[in-house]
C-alpha cells in the first residue's frame, strides 16, 4: 500500500482531470497569494517610487505601500469644492487597492500547479515576472484616474495634461479593471505551457477524427 506522501503527482491525462485540479488548487493558491500580497507588491512599489523620484508624472511627490495597495501623494490642492471646506495646506492623495489588479498571479499559479509541468516552479517565476509590467501599468493608471478624473475640475486645472492623455488614462483604467487580470494571466500561462495545451488539443482532434470515421457508412 502506497502512503499519501509517497504518491507521485503526475500531469493530468485529460481535460476533465485538469479542470478538477484547477478547482482543487484555487482555494489554497488564493489563500497563499492573499498572505503574500505585500511581498509580491514590492517590485510595483519600487517602480512607482522610482517614477515619483524622476518626476513622472510631475505632480506625484511620493508613492507609499499600504497593506494591500499603494498611496499616491501629490502636490495638487483640492481647490474650492461646493459644500466642502479644506485646510489651507490640504493636498490631494489617493489610495489604490492593488489586489483588484494583481489577482492574475493567483490565477496563473492555479493553472500552473494544476498542469504540474516538470518546470512548474520555473514557470511560476517566469509567469510572475511577465505579469509584473501589466500590473505596474494598471496600478499607475488607476492612481492617475483617481487623482485627475475623480477629484474634479479644480484639480485637473492644475495639471498640464492634454485631453487625449486623460482619455488614455480612462481607457487603461477600464482595461485594467475589466479584462487585464484574467486575460494576461491566461495568456502568460498559455505561452509557458504550449506543449501541454497542444497535447490536449491534439488528443481532442484525434478523437473527433476517429468518431467521424466510425459514423461513415461502410461501402459494400
N, C-alpha and C. Protein backbone atom coordinates (compact mmCIF):
# COMPACT_ATOMS: atom_id res chain seq x y z
N UNK A 1 0.85 -1.19 0.00
CA UNK A 1 0.00 0.00 0.00
C UNK A 1 0.89 1.24 0.00
N UNK A 2 0.53 2.20 -0.87
CA UNK A 2 1.32 3.42 -1.01
C UNK A 2 0.79 4.50 -0.09
N UNK A 3 1.66 5.07 0.72
CA UNK A 3 1.25 6.15 1.61
C UNK A 3 1.02 7.42 0.82
N UNK A 4 0.27 8.35 1.42
CA UNK A 4 -0.08 9.56 0.69
C UNK A 4 1.14 10.40 0.37
N UNK A 5 2.17 10.36 1.24
CA UNK A 5 3.36 11.17 0.96
C UNK A 5 4.26 10.54 -0.10
N UNK A 6 3.99 9.25 -0.42
CA UNK A 6 4.76 8.59 -1.46
C UNK A 6 4.06 8.67 -2.82
N UNK A 7 2.88 9.27 -2.84
CA UNK A 7 2.11 9.34 -4.09
C UNK A 7 2.79 10.30 -5.06
N UNK A 8 2.99 9.86 -6.26
CA UNK A 8 3.63 10.68 -7.28
C UNK A 8 2.57 11.43 -8.06
N UNK A 9 2.66 12.75 -8.03
CA UNK A 9 1.65 13.60 -8.67
C UNK A 9 2.04 13.80 -10.12
N UNK A 10 1.21 13.29 -11.03
CA UNK A 10 1.51 13.37 -12.45
C UNK A 10 0.72 14.48 -13.11
N UNK A 11 1.15 14.82 -14.32
CA UNK A 11 0.40 15.77 -15.13
C UNK A 11 -0.93 15.14 -15.52
N UNK A 12 -2.03 15.91 -15.54
CA UNK A 12 -3.34 15.35 -15.87
C UNK A 12 -3.37 14.77 -17.28
N UNK A 13 -4.15 13.69 -17.44
CA UNK A 13 -4.20 12.99 -18.72
C UNK A 13 -5.33 13.47 -19.63
N UNK A 14 -6.30 14.19 -19.07
CA UNK A 14 -7.40 14.67 -19.90
C UNK A 14 -7.91 16.00 -19.36
N UNK A 15 -8.80 16.61 -20.13
CA UNK A 15 -9.29 17.94 -19.79
C UNK A 15 -10.08 17.94 -18.48
N UNK A 16 -10.90 16.93 -18.27
CA UNK A 16 -11.73 16.90 -17.07
C UNK A 16 -10.89 16.84 -15.80
N UNK A 17 -9.84 16.03 -15.80
CA UNK A 17 -8.96 15.98 -14.63
C UNK A 17 -8.24 17.31 -14.41
N UNK A 18 -7.83 17.91 -15.51
CA UNK A 18 -7.18 19.22 -15.40
C UNK A 18 -8.15 20.23 -14.80
N UNK A 19 -9.39 20.23 -15.23
CA UNK A 19 -10.39 21.15 -14.71
C UNK A 19 -10.60 20.95 -13.21
N UNK A 20 -10.72 19.70 -12.77
CA UNK A 20 -10.93 19.44 -11.35
C UNK A 20 -9.70 19.81 -10.52
N UNK A 21 -8.54 19.64 -11.09
CA UNK A 21 -7.32 20.05 -10.37
C UNK A 21 -7.28 21.57 -10.19
N UNK A 22 -7.72 22.30 -11.21
CA UNK A 22 -7.77 23.75 -11.07
C UNK A 22 -8.67 24.14 -9.90
N UNK A 23 -9.86 23.54 -9.84
CA UNK A 23 -10.79 23.84 -8.75
C UNK A 23 -10.19 23.47 -7.39
N UNK A 24 -9.41 22.40 -7.35
CA UNK A 24 -8.80 21.98 -6.08
C UNK A 24 -7.69 22.92 -5.65
N UNK A 25 -6.94 23.45 -6.60
CA UNK A 25 -5.82 24.32 -6.27
C UNK A 25 -6.25 25.74 -5.93
N UNK A 26 -7.33 26.23 -6.54
CA UNK A 26 -7.71 27.64 -6.42
C UNK A 26 -7.81 28.12 -4.96
N UNK A 27 -8.52 27.43 -4.05
CA UNK A 27 -8.62 27.96 -2.68
C UNK A 27 -7.28 28.11 -1.99
N UNK A 28 -6.41 27.12 -2.12
CA UNK A 28 -5.11 27.16 -1.45
C UNK A 28 -4.20 28.24 -2.05
N UNK A 29 -4.23 28.34 -3.38
CA UNK A 29 -3.37 29.32 -4.05
C UNK A 29 -3.82 30.74 -3.73
N UNK A 30 -5.12 30.98 -3.74
CA UNK A 30 -5.60 32.33 -3.44
C UNK A 30 -5.33 32.70 -1.99
N UNK A 31 -5.42 31.73 -1.09
CA UNK A 31 -5.10 31.99 0.31
C UNK A 31 -3.63 32.36 0.46
N UNK A 32 -2.74 31.62 -0.21
CA UNK A 32 -1.31 31.93 -0.17
C UNK A 32 -1.02 33.27 -0.81
N UNK A 33 -1.67 33.54 -1.94
CA UNK A 33 -1.48 34.83 -2.62
C UNK A 33 -1.91 35.98 -1.72
N UNK A 34 -3.05 35.83 -1.06
CA UNK A 34 -3.55 36.89 -0.18
C UNK A 34 -2.56 37.20 0.94
N UNK A 35 -1.95 36.14 1.49
CA UNK A 35 -0.99 36.33 2.57
C UNK A 35 0.31 36.96 2.07
N UNK A 36 0.67 36.67 0.81
CA UNK A 36 1.95 37.15 0.26
C UNK A 36 1.81 38.46 -0.50
N UNK A 37 0.61 39.03 -0.55
CA UNK A 37 0.39 40.25 -1.33
C UNK A 37 1.40 41.36 -1.03
N UNK A 38 1.67 41.70 0.24
CA UNK A 38 2.63 42.79 0.49
C UNK A 38 4.01 42.52 -0.12
N UNK A 39 4.45 41.27 -0.09
CA UNK A 39 5.76 40.94 -0.66
C UNK A 39 5.72 40.98 -2.18
N UNK A 40 4.67 40.43 -2.76
CA UNK A 40 4.54 40.41 -4.22
C UNK A 40 4.40 41.82 -4.80
N UNK A 41 3.99 42.77 -3.98
CA UNK A 41 3.82 44.15 -4.44
C UNK A 41 5.10 44.97 -4.35
N UNK A 42 6.15 44.42 -3.77
CA UNK A 42 7.38 45.19 -3.64
C UNK A 42 7.90 45.73 -4.98
N UNK A 43 8.01 44.92 -6.03
CA UNK A 43 8.51 45.47 -7.30
C UNK A 43 7.64 46.60 -7.85
N UNK A 44 6.33 46.51 -7.63
CA UNK A 44 5.45 47.59 -8.09
C UNK A 44 5.74 48.86 -7.30
N UNK A 45 5.99 48.72 -6.01
CA UNK A 45 6.33 49.89 -5.19
C UNK A 45 7.63 50.52 -5.67
N UNK A 46 8.64 49.70 -5.96
CA UNK A 46 9.91 50.25 -6.44
C UNK A 46 9.72 50.99 -7.76
N UNK A 47 8.92 50.43 -8.64
CA UNK A 47 8.66 51.07 -9.93
C UNK A 47 7.96 52.41 -9.76
N UNK A 48 6.88 52.44 -8.97
CA UNK A 48 6.12 53.67 -8.79
C UNK A 48 6.92 54.71 -8.01
N UNK A 49 7.67 54.27 -7.01
CA UNK A 49 8.50 55.21 -6.25
C UNK A 49 9.60 55.79 -7.13
N UNK A 50 10.18 54.96 -8.00
CA UNK A 50 11.20 55.45 -8.93
C UNK A 50 10.65 56.48 -9.88
N UNK A 51 9.44 56.25 -10.38
CA UNK A 51 8.81 57.23 -11.26
C UNK A 51 8.57 58.54 -10.53
N UNK A 52 8.13 58.46 -9.27
CA UNK A 52 7.89 59.68 -8.49
C UNK A 52 9.19 60.45 -8.27
N UNK A 53 10.28 59.74 -8.01
CA UNK A 53 11.57 60.40 -7.82
C UNK A 53 12.04 61.09 -9.10
N UNK A 54 11.71 60.49 -10.24
CA UNK A 54 12.09 61.07 -11.53
C UNK A 54 11.14 62.17 -11.98
N UNK A 55 10.07 62.39 -11.20
CA UNK A 55 9.11 63.43 -11.57
C UNK A 55 8.15 63.01 -12.65
N UNK A 56 7.82 61.73 -12.73
CA UNK A 56 6.88 61.23 -13.73
C UNK A 56 5.73 60.54 -13.01
N UNK A 57 4.53 61.13 -13.04
CA UNK A 57 4.22 62.48 -13.55
C UNK A 57 4.69 63.56 -12.59
N UNK A 58 4.68 64.78 -13.06
CA UNK A 58 5.32 65.86 -12.31
C UNK A 58 4.60 66.22 -11.02
N UNK A 59 3.33 65.88 -10.88
CA UNK A 59 2.57 66.28 -9.70
C UNK A 59 2.58 65.22 -8.59
N UNK A 60 3.12 64.03 -8.84
CA UNK A 60 3.21 62.99 -7.81
C UNK A 60 4.52 63.15 -7.06
N UNK A 61 4.43 63.37 -5.76
CA UNK A 61 5.64 63.59 -4.96
C UNK A 61 6.18 62.31 -4.33
N UNK A 62 5.29 61.36 -4.02
CA UNK A 62 5.74 60.10 -3.43
C UNK A 62 4.65 59.04 -3.58
N UNK A 63 5.08 57.78 -3.51
CA UNK A 63 4.16 56.65 -3.55
C UNK A 63 4.54 55.71 -2.41
N UNK A 64 3.62 55.50 -1.50
CA UNK A 64 3.87 54.61 -0.37
C UNK A 64 3.06 53.34 -0.47
N UNK A 65 3.61 52.25 0.06
CA UNK A 65 2.91 50.97 0.03
C UNK A 65 2.09 50.79 1.30
N UNK A 66 0.83 50.42 1.13
CA UNK A 66 -0.04 50.10 2.25
C UNK A 66 -0.14 48.58 2.36
N UNK A 67 -1.02 48.10 3.22
CA UNK A 67 -1.12 46.65 3.43
C UNK A 67 -1.52 45.93 2.15
N UNK A 68 -2.48 46.49 1.41
CA UNK A 68 -2.98 45.82 0.22
C UNK A 68 -2.84 46.65 -1.05
N UNK A 69 -2.17 47.78 -0.98
CA UNK A 69 -2.07 48.62 -2.17
C UNK A 69 -1.04 49.71 -2.04
N UNK A 70 -1.38 50.87 -2.62
CA UNK A 70 -0.42 51.97 -2.69
C UNK A 70 -1.15 53.30 -2.50
N UNK A 71 -0.44 54.25 -1.90
CA UNK A 71 -0.97 55.60 -1.72
C UNK A 71 -0.15 56.58 -2.55
N UNK A 72 -0.83 57.30 -3.44
CA UNK A 72 -0.21 58.32 -4.26
C UNK A 72 -0.39 59.67 -3.57
N UNK A 73 0.71 60.34 -3.29
CA UNK A 73 0.68 61.67 -2.68
C UNK A 73 1.13 62.68 -3.73
N UNK A 74 0.36 63.76 -3.89
CA UNK A 74 0.65 64.75 -4.92
C UNK A 74 0.91 66.11 -4.30
N UNK A 75 1.30 67.06 -5.14
CA UNK A 75 1.44 68.45 -4.70
C UNK A 75 0.26 69.29 -5.15
N UNK A 76 -0.82 68.64 -5.56
CA UNK A 76 -2.02 69.34 -6.00
C UNK A 76 -2.90 69.69 -4.81
N UNK A 77 -3.63 70.77 -4.92
CA UNK A 77 -4.56 71.18 -3.87
C UNK A 77 -5.99 70.87 -4.32
N UNK A 78 -6.87 70.58 -3.38
CA UNK A 78 -8.24 70.22 -3.78
C UNK A 78 -9.03 71.37 -4.36
N UNK A 79 -8.60 72.62 -4.11
CA UNK A 79 -9.34 73.76 -4.66
C UNK A 79 -10.67 73.95 -3.95
N UNK A 80 -11.49 74.77 -4.54
CA UNK A 80 -12.81 75.08 -3.96
C UNK A 80 -13.83 74.08 -4.47
N UNK A 81 -14.42 73.34 -3.55
CA UNK A 81 -15.44 72.35 -3.89
C UNK A 81 -16.76 72.77 -3.24
N UNK A 82 -17.86 72.74 -3.98
CA UNK A 82 -19.16 73.13 -3.41
C UNK A 82 -19.52 72.28 -2.20
N UNK A 83 -19.82 72.95 -1.09
CA UNK A 83 -20.23 72.23 0.11
C UNK A 83 -19.10 71.60 0.88
N UNK A 84 -17.85 71.84 0.49
CA UNK A 84 -16.71 71.25 1.18
C UNK A 84 -15.70 72.33 1.55
N UNK A 85 -15.07 72.15 2.69
CA UNK A 85 -14.04 73.09 3.15
C UNK A 85 -12.77 72.31 3.46
N UNK A 86 -11.64 72.84 2.98
CA UNK A 86 -10.36 72.17 3.19
C UNK A 86 -9.40 73.10 3.92
N UNK A 87 -8.46 72.53 4.61
CA UNK A 87 -7.43 73.32 5.26
C UNK A 87 -6.56 74.00 4.21
N UNK A 88 -5.94 75.11 4.54
CA UNK A 88 -5.10 75.80 3.55
C UNK A 88 -3.95 74.94 3.03
N UNK A 89 -3.44 74.02 3.86
CA UNK A 89 -2.31 73.19 3.45
C UNK A 89 -2.74 71.82 2.93
N UNK A 90 -4.02 71.65 2.62
CA UNK A 90 -4.52 70.36 2.15
C UNK A 90 -3.95 70.01 0.78
N UNK A 91 -3.63 68.74 0.59
CA UNK A 91 -3.14 68.25 -0.70
C UNK A 91 -3.98 67.04 -1.12
N UNK A 92 -3.92 66.71 -2.40
CA UNK A 92 -4.67 65.59 -2.93
C UNK A 92 -3.83 64.32 -2.84
N UNK A 93 -4.41 63.28 -2.28
CA UNK A 93 -3.77 61.96 -2.26
C UNK A 93 -4.86 60.91 -2.48
N UNK A 94 -4.45 59.75 -2.92
CA UNK A 94 -5.42 58.68 -3.18
C UNK A 94 -4.77 57.33 -2.93
N UNK A 95 -5.58 56.37 -2.55
CA UNK A 95 -5.08 55.02 -2.28
C UNK A 95 -5.70 54.04 -3.27
N UNK A 96 -4.88 53.15 -3.80
CA UNK A 96 -5.31 52.15 -4.77
C UNK A 96 -5.18 50.77 -4.14
N UNK A 97 -6.27 50.01 -4.15
CA UNK A 97 -6.23 48.62 -3.69
C UNK A 97 -5.70 47.77 -4.84
N UNK A 98 -4.43 47.44 -4.80
CA UNK A 98 -3.78 46.75 -5.93
C UNK A 98 -4.21 45.30 -6.07
N UNK A 99 -4.85 44.73 -5.07
CA UNK A 99 -5.28 43.33 -5.18
C UNK A 99 -6.25 43.13 -6.34
N UNK A 100 -7.04 44.18 -6.64
CA UNK A 100 -8.02 44.09 -7.72
C UNK A 100 -7.33 43.89 -9.06
N UNK A 101 -6.09 44.34 -9.17
CA UNK A 101 -5.38 44.32 -10.46
C UNK A 101 -4.23 43.32 -10.50
N UNK A 102 -4.00 42.62 -9.38
CA UNK A 102 -2.88 41.67 -9.34
C UNK A 102 -3.32 40.24 -9.02
N UNK A 103 -4.62 39.99 -8.95
CA UNK A 103 -5.06 38.63 -8.63
C UNK A 103 -4.77 37.66 -9.78
N UNK A 104 -4.34 38.20 -10.93
CA UNK A 104 -3.91 37.33 -12.02
C UNK A 104 -2.75 36.42 -11.61
N UNK A 105 -1.96 36.85 -10.63
CA UNK A 105 -0.89 35.99 -10.12
C UNK A 105 -1.45 34.67 -9.59
N UNK A 106 -2.54 34.76 -8.84
CA UNK A 106 -3.15 33.56 -8.27
C UNK A 106 -3.78 32.69 -9.36
N UNK A 107 -4.40 33.32 -10.34
CA UNK A 107 -4.99 32.55 -11.44
C UNK A 107 -3.91 31.79 -12.21
N UNK A 108 -2.84 32.50 -12.54
CA UNK A 108 -1.74 31.87 -13.27
C UNK A 108 -1.12 30.74 -12.46
N UNK A 109 -0.94 30.96 -11.15
CA UNK A 109 -0.35 29.93 -10.30
C UNK A 109 -1.26 28.70 -10.19
N UNK A 110 -2.57 28.92 -10.11
CA UNK A 110 -3.51 27.79 -10.04
C UNK A 110 -3.44 26.94 -11.30
N UNK A 111 -3.41 27.58 -12.45
CA UNK A 111 -3.31 26.85 -13.71
C UNK A 111 -1.99 26.10 -13.81
N UNK A 112 -0.92 26.76 -13.37
CA UNK A 112 0.41 26.15 -13.46
C UNK A 112 0.52 24.91 -12.57
N UNK A 113 0.03 25.01 -11.35
CA UNK A 113 0.11 23.86 -10.44
C UNK A 113 -0.84 22.75 -10.87
N UNK A 114 -1.97 23.12 -11.45
CA UNK A 114 -2.90 22.09 -11.94
C UNK A 114 -2.28 21.31 -13.11
N UNK A 115 -1.52 21.99 -13.95
CA UNK A 115 -0.85 21.31 -15.07
C UNK A 115 0.29 20.43 -14.60
N UNK A 116 0.95 20.82 -13.50
CA UNK A 116 2.04 20.04 -12.88
C UNK A 116 3.12 19.69 -13.89
N UNK A 117 3.55 20.70 -14.62
CA UNK A 117 4.64 20.54 -15.59
C UNK A 117 5.95 20.31 -14.85
N UNK A 118 6.90 19.65 -15.50
CA UNK A 118 8.19 19.39 -14.85
C UNK A 118 8.92 20.68 -14.50
N UNK A 119 8.65 21.76 -15.24
CA UNK A 119 9.27 23.06 -14.96
C UNK A 119 8.30 24.00 -14.26
N UNK A 120 7.41 23.46 -13.43
CA UNK A 120 6.34 24.26 -12.84
C UNK A 120 6.86 25.40 -11.98
N UNK A 121 7.92 25.14 -11.18
CA UNK A 121 8.41 26.20 -10.30
C UNK A 121 9.09 27.30 -11.11
N UNK A 122 9.79 26.92 -12.15
CA UNK A 122 10.39 27.92 -13.04
C UNK A 122 9.29 28.71 -13.76
N UNK A 123 8.23 28.01 -14.18
CA UNK A 123 7.13 28.68 -14.87
C UNK A 123 6.40 29.66 -13.95
N UNK A 124 6.28 29.31 -12.68
CA UNK A 124 5.68 30.24 -11.72
C UNK A 124 6.50 31.52 -11.63
N UNK A 125 7.80 31.38 -11.59
CA UNK A 125 8.69 32.54 -11.51
C UNK A 125 8.61 33.38 -12.77
N UNK A 126 8.72 32.73 -13.93
CA UNK A 126 8.64 33.46 -15.20
C UNK A 126 7.27 34.10 -15.38
N UNK A 127 6.22 33.39 -14.98
CA UNK A 127 4.88 33.93 -15.13
C UNK A 127 4.68 35.19 -14.30
N UNK A 128 5.17 35.16 -13.07
CA UNK A 128 5.06 36.35 -12.21
C UNK A 128 5.82 37.53 -12.81
N UNK A 129 7.01 37.28 -13.33
CA UNK A 129 7.79 38.35 -13.95
C UNK A 129 7.08 38.91 -15.18
N UNK A 130 6.44 38.04 -15.95
CA UNK A 130 5.73 38.50 -17.16
C UNK A 130 4.51 39.34 -16.81
N UNK A 131 3.85 39.04 -15.70
CA UNK A 131 2.65 39.77 -15.31
C UNK A 131 2.97 41.11 -14.66
N UNK A 132 4.16 41.26 -14.10
CA UNK A 132 4.50 42.48 -13.37
C UNK A 132 4.33 43.76 -14.19
N UNK A 133 4.83 43.85 -15.43
CA UNK A 133 4.67 45.11 -16.18
C UNK A 133 3.21 45.51 -16.36
N UNK A 134 2.33 44.55 -16.61
CA UNK A 134 0.91 44.85 -16.76
C UNK A 134 0.32 45.36 -15.44
N UNK A 135 0.74 44.77 -14.34
CA UNK A 135 0.23 45.18 -13.04
C UNK A 135 0.74 46.57 -12.65
N UNK A 136 2.00 46.84 -12.97
CA UNK A 136 2.54 48.18 -12.73
C UNK A 136 1.75 49.23 -13.49
N UNK A 137 1.50 48.95 -14.77
CA UNK A 137 0.75 49.89 -15.60
C UNK A 137 -0.67 50.06 -15.08
N UNK A 138 -1.29 48.98 -14.63
CA UNK A 138 -2.66 49.05 -14.13
C UNK A 138 -2.76 49.91 -12.88
N UNK A 139 -1.87 49.68 -11.91
CA UNK A 139 -1.91 50.46 -10.67
C UNK A 139 -1.63 51.93 -10.96
N UNK A 140 -0.68 52.20 -11.85
CA UNK A 140 -0.38 53.58 -12.21
C UNK A 140 -1.59 54.24 -12.85
N UNK A 141 -2.25 53.56 -13.79
CA UNK A 141 -3.40 54.12 -14.49
C UNK A 141 -4.55 54.40 -13.52
N UNK A 142 -4.79 53.48 -12.59
CA UNK A 142 -5.87 53.67 -11.62
C UNK A 142 -5.57 54.85 -10.70
N UNK A 143 -4.31 54.96 -10.26
CA UNK A 143 -3.94 56.09 -9.42
C UNK A 143 -4.13 57.42 -10.13
N UNK A 144 -3.72 57.49 -11.40
CA UNK A 144 -3.89 58.72 -12.16
C UNK A 144 -5.37 59.02 -12.42
N UNK A 145 -6.14 57.98 -12.64
CA UNK A 145 -7.58 58.17 -12.86
C UNK A 145 -8.23 58.76 -11.61
N UNK A 146 -7.88 58.25 -10.44
CA UNK A 146 -8.48 58.75 -9.21
C UNK A 146 -8.05 60.17 -8.90
N UNK A 147 -6.81 60.51 -9.24
CA UNK A 147 -6.33 61.86 -8.98
C UNK A 147 -6.91 62.86 -9.97
N UNK A 148 -6.86 62.53 -11.25
CA UNK A 148 -7.20 63.50 -12.29
C UNK A 148 -8.67 63.50 -12.69
N UNK A 149 -9.30 62.34 -12.70
CA UNK A 149 -10.67 62.26 -13.19
C UNK A 149 -11.72 62.23 -12.08
N UNK A 150 -11.33 61.82 -10.89
CA UNK A 150 -12.29 61.73 -9.79
C UNK A 150 -12.26 62.93 -8.86
N UNK A 151 -11.20 63.73 -8.93
CA UNK A 151 -11.03 64.82 -7.96
C UNK A 151 -11.67 66.13 -8.39
N UNK A 152 -12.18 66.19 -9.60
CA UNK A 152 -12.89 67.39 -10.02
C UNK A 152 -12.07 68.31 -10.90
N UNK A 153 -12.75 69.28 -11.55
CA UNK A 153 -12.07 70.19 -12.48
C UNK A 153 -11.05 71.10 -11.81
N UNK A 154 -11.25 71.41 -10.52
CA UNK A 154 -10.30 72.28 -9.83
C UNK A 154 -8.92 71.64 -9.74
N UNK A 155 -8.88 70.33 -9.61
CA UNK A 155 -7.61 69.61 -9.57
C UNK A 155 -7.02 69.47 -10.97
N UNK A 156 -7.86 69.12 -11.94
CA UNK A 156 -7.38 68.96 -13.32
C UNK A 156 -6.81 70.26 -13.87
N UNK A 157 -7.34 71.38 -13.42
CA UNK A 157 -6.87 72.67 -13.92
C UNK A 157 -5.42 72.95 -13.53
N UNK A 158 -4.92 72.25 -12.51
CA UNK A 158 -3.54 72.47 -12.05
C UNK A 158 -2.53 71.61 -12.82
N UNK A 159 -3.04 70.72 -13.67
CA UNK A 159 -2.18 69.78 -14.38
C UNK A 159 -2.20 70.10 -15.86
N UNK A 160 -1.04 70.16 -16.48
CA UNK A 160 -0.95 70.48 -17.90
C UNK A 160 -0.99 69.20 -18.73
N UNK A 161 -2.10 68.52 -18.67
CA UNK A 161 -2.29 67.31 -19.46
C UNK A 161 -3.32 67.58 -20.53
N UNK A 162 -3.06 67.09 -21.73
CA UNK A 162 -4.00 67.25 -22.84
C UNK A 162 -5.18 66.30 -22.66
N UNK A 163 -6.24 66.58 -23.41
CA UNK A 163 -7.44 65.75 -23.32
C UNK A 163 -7.17 64.30 -23.72
N UNK A 164 -6.31 64.12 -24.73
CA UNK A 164 -6.04 62.76 -25.19
C UNK A 164 -5.31 61.95 -24.12
N UNK A 165 -4.49 62.63 -23.30
CA UNK A 165 -3.80 61.93 -22.22
C UNK A 165 -4.79 61.45 -21.16
N UNK A 166 -5.78 62.29 -20.86
CA UNK A 166 -6.81 61.90 -19.90
C UNK A 166 -7.64 60.73 -20.43
N UNK A 167 -7.90 60.74 -21.75
CA UNK A 167 -8.66 59.64 -22.35
C UNK A 167 -7.87 58.34 -22.32
N UNK A 168 -6.56 58.41 -22.53
CA UNK A 168 -5.72 57.22 -22.44
C UNK A 168 -5.78 56.63 -21.03
N UNK A 169 -5.71 57.50 -20.02
CA UNK A 169 -5.82 57.03 -18.63
C UNK A 169 -7.16 56.35 -18.39
N UNK A 170 -8.23 56.93 -18.93
CA UNK A 170 -9.57 56.35 -18.75
C UNK A 170 -9.65 54.97 -19.42
N UNK A 171 -9.10 54.84 -20.62
CA UNK A 171 -9.13 53.55 -21.32
C UNK A 171 -8.28 52.51 -20.59
N UNK A 172 -7.11 52.92 -20.12
CA UNK A 172 -6.25 52.00 -19.37
C UNK A 172 -6.94 51.53 -18.09
N UNK A 173 -7.66 52.44 -17.45
CA UNK A 173 -8.39 52.08 -16.24
C UNK A 173 -9.45 51.03 -16.54
N UNK A 174 -10.20 51.23 -17.62
CA UNK A 174 -11.25 50.27 -17.98
C UNK A 174 -10.65 48.91 -18.32
N UNK A 175 -9.57 48.91 -19.09
CA UNK A 175 -8.92 47.64 -19.44
C UNK A 175 -8.38 46.95 -18.19
N UNK A 176 -7.76 47.73 -17.30
CA UNK A 176 -7.15 47.15 -16.10
C UNK A 176 -8.21 46.56 -15.17
N UNK A 177 -9.38 47.17 -15.14
CA UNK A 177 -10.43 46.72 -14.23
C UNK A 177 -11.22 45.55 -14.79
N UNK A 178 -11.56 45.61 -16.08
CA UNK A 178 -12.48 44.63 -16.66
C UNK A 178 -11.78 43.40 -17.24
N UNK A 179 -10.61 43.58 -17.84
CA UNK A 179 -10.02 42.50 -18.63
C UNK A 179 -8.62 42.07 -18.21
N UNK A 180 -7.81 43.01 -17.77
CA UNK A 180 -6.38 42.76 -17.63
C UNK A 180 -6.01 41.56 -16.75
N UNK A 181 -6.50 41.45 -15.50
CA UNK A 181 -6.02 40.35 -14.64
C UNK A 181 -6.25 38.96 -15.22
N UNK A 182 -7.49 38.59 -15.62
CA UNK A 182 -7.68 37.22 -16.13
C UNK A 182 -7.08 36.99 -17.50
N UNK A 183 -7.17 38.00 -18.39
CA UNK A 183 -6.69 37.82 -19.77
C UNK A 183 -5.18 37.66 -19.80
N UNK A 184 -4.45 38.53 -19.10
CA UNK A 184 -2.99 38.43 -19.11
C UNK A 184 -2.51 37.16 -18.41
N UNK A 185 -3.20 36.76 -17.33
CA UNK A 185 -2.81 35.53 -16.63
C UNK A 185 -2.97 34.32 -17.54
N UNK A 186 -4.08 34.25 -18.26
CA UNK A 186 -4.31 33.13 -19.16
C UNK A 186 -3.32 33.15 -20.32
N UNK A 187 -3.05 34.35 -20.87
CA UNK A 187 -2.12 34.46 -22.00
C UNK A 187 -0.71 34.03 -21.60
N UNK A 188 -0.26 34.46 -20.43
CA UNK A 188 1.08 34.09 -19.96
C UNK A 188 1.14 32.58 -19.71
N UNK A 189 0.10 32.03 -19.10
CA UNK A 189 0.09 30.58 -18.84
C UNK A 189 0.13 29.79 -20.15
N UNK A 190 -0.65 30.21 -21.14
CA UNK A 190 -0.64 29.52 -22.44
C UNK A 190 0.73 29.59 -23.09
N UNK A 191 1.39 30.74 -22.96
CA UNK A 191 2.72 30.91 -23.54
C UNK A 191 3.73 29.96 -22.91
N UNK A 192 3.61 29.74 -21.61
CA UNK A 192 4.56 28.89 -20.89
C UNK A 192 4.20 27.41 -20.94
N UNK A 193 2.99 27.09 -21.41
CA UNK A 193 2.53 25.69 -21.44
C UNK A 193 2.01 25.31 -22.82
N UNK A 194 2.70 25.73 -23.85
CA UNK A 194 2.23 25.45 -25.21
C UNK A 194 2.17 23.94 -25.48
N UNK A 195 3.20 23.21 -25.09
CA UNK A 195 3.21 21.76 -25.33
C UNK A 195 2.08 21.07 -24.58
N UNK A 196 1.83 21.50 -23.37
CA UNK A 196 0.75 20.92 -22.56
C UNK A 196 -0.60 21.13 -23.24
N UNK A 197 -0.83 22.35 -23.73
CA UNK A 197 -2.10 22.67 -24.39
C UNK A 197 -2.22 21.92 -25.72
N UNK A 198 -1.11 21.88 -26.48
CA UNK A 198 -1.14 21.18 -27.77
C UNK A 198 -1.44 19.70 -27.59
N UNK A 199 -0.99 19.11 -26.49
CA UNK A 199 -1.26 17.69 -26.24
C UNK A 199 -2.76 17.44 -26.11
N UNK A 200 -3.44 18.31 -25.37
CA UNK A 200 -4.88 18.15 -25.20
C UNK A 200 -5.63 18.46 -26.49
N UNK A 201 -5.22 19.52 -27.18
CA UNK A 201 -5.88 19.89 -28.44
C UNK A 201 -5.70 18.78 -29.46
N UNK A 202 -4.47 18.24 -29.54
CA UNK A 202 -4.21 17.15 -30.48
C UNK A 202 -5.03 15.91 -30.15
N UNK A 203 -5.15 15.59 -28.86
CA UNK A 203 -5.94 14.42 -28.46
C UNK A 203 -7.41 14.60 -28.82
N UNK A 204 -7.92 15.82 -28.65
CA UNK A 204 -9.32 16.08 -28.99
C UNK A 204 -9.56 15.96 -30.49
N UNK A 205 -8.60 16.44 -31.29
CA UNK A 205 -8.74 16.37 -32.74
C UNK A 205 -8.72 14.91 -33.20
N UNK A 206 -7.81 14.12 -32.63
CA UNK A 206 -7.73 12.70 -32.98
C UNK A 206 -9.03 11.98 -32.62
N UNK A 207 -9.56 12.29 -31.43
CA UNK A 207 -10.83 11.67 -31.01
C UNK A 207 -11.97 12.06 -31.94
N UNK A 208 -11.96 13.32 -32.39
CA UNK A 208 -13.00 13.78 -33.31
C UNK A 208 -12.90 13.07 -34.65
N UNK A 209 -11.68 12.90 -35.15
CA UNK A 209 -11.48 12.21 -36.43
C UNK A 209 -11.94 10.76 -36.33
N UNK A 210 -11.59 10.09 -35.24
CA UNK A 210 -11.99 8.70 -35.06
C UNK A 210 -13.51 8.57 -34.96
N UNK A 211 -14.13 9.51 -34.26
CA UNK A 211 -15.59 9.47 -34.14
C UNK A 211 -16.25 9.69 -35.49
N UNK A 212 -15.66 10.57 -36.31
CA UNK A 212 -16.21 10.83 -37.65
C UNK A 212 -16.07 9.61 -38.54
N UNK A 213 -14.92 8.94 -38.45
CA UNK A 213 -14.69 7.75 -39.27
C UNK A 213 -15.66 6.62 -38.91
N UNK A 214 -15.99 6.50 -37.63
CA UNK A 214 -16.91 5.45 -37.21
C UNK A 214 -18.32 5.69 -37.75
N UNK A 215 -18.66 6.97 -37.92
CA UNK A 215 -20.01 7.30 -38.38
C UNK A 215 -20.17 7.14 -39.89
N UNK A 216 -19.04 7.04 -40.62
CA UNK A 216 -19.13 6.91 -42.07
C UNK A 216 -19.71 5.54 -42.43
N UNK A 217 -20.66 5.50 -43.37
CA UNK A 217 -21.23 4.19 -43.77
C UNK A 217 -20.20 3.35 -44.51
N UNK A 218 -20.20 2.07 -44.23
CA UNK A 218 -19.26 1.17 -44.89
C UNK A 218 -19.73 0.86 -46.31
N UNK A 219 -18.77 0.85 -47.24
CA UNK A 219 -19.09 0.55 -48.63
C UNK A 219 -19.25 -0.96 -48.82
N UNK A 220 -20.19 -1.30 -49.67
CA UNK A 220 -20.44 -2.72 -49.94
C UNK A 220 -19.33 -3.31 -50.78
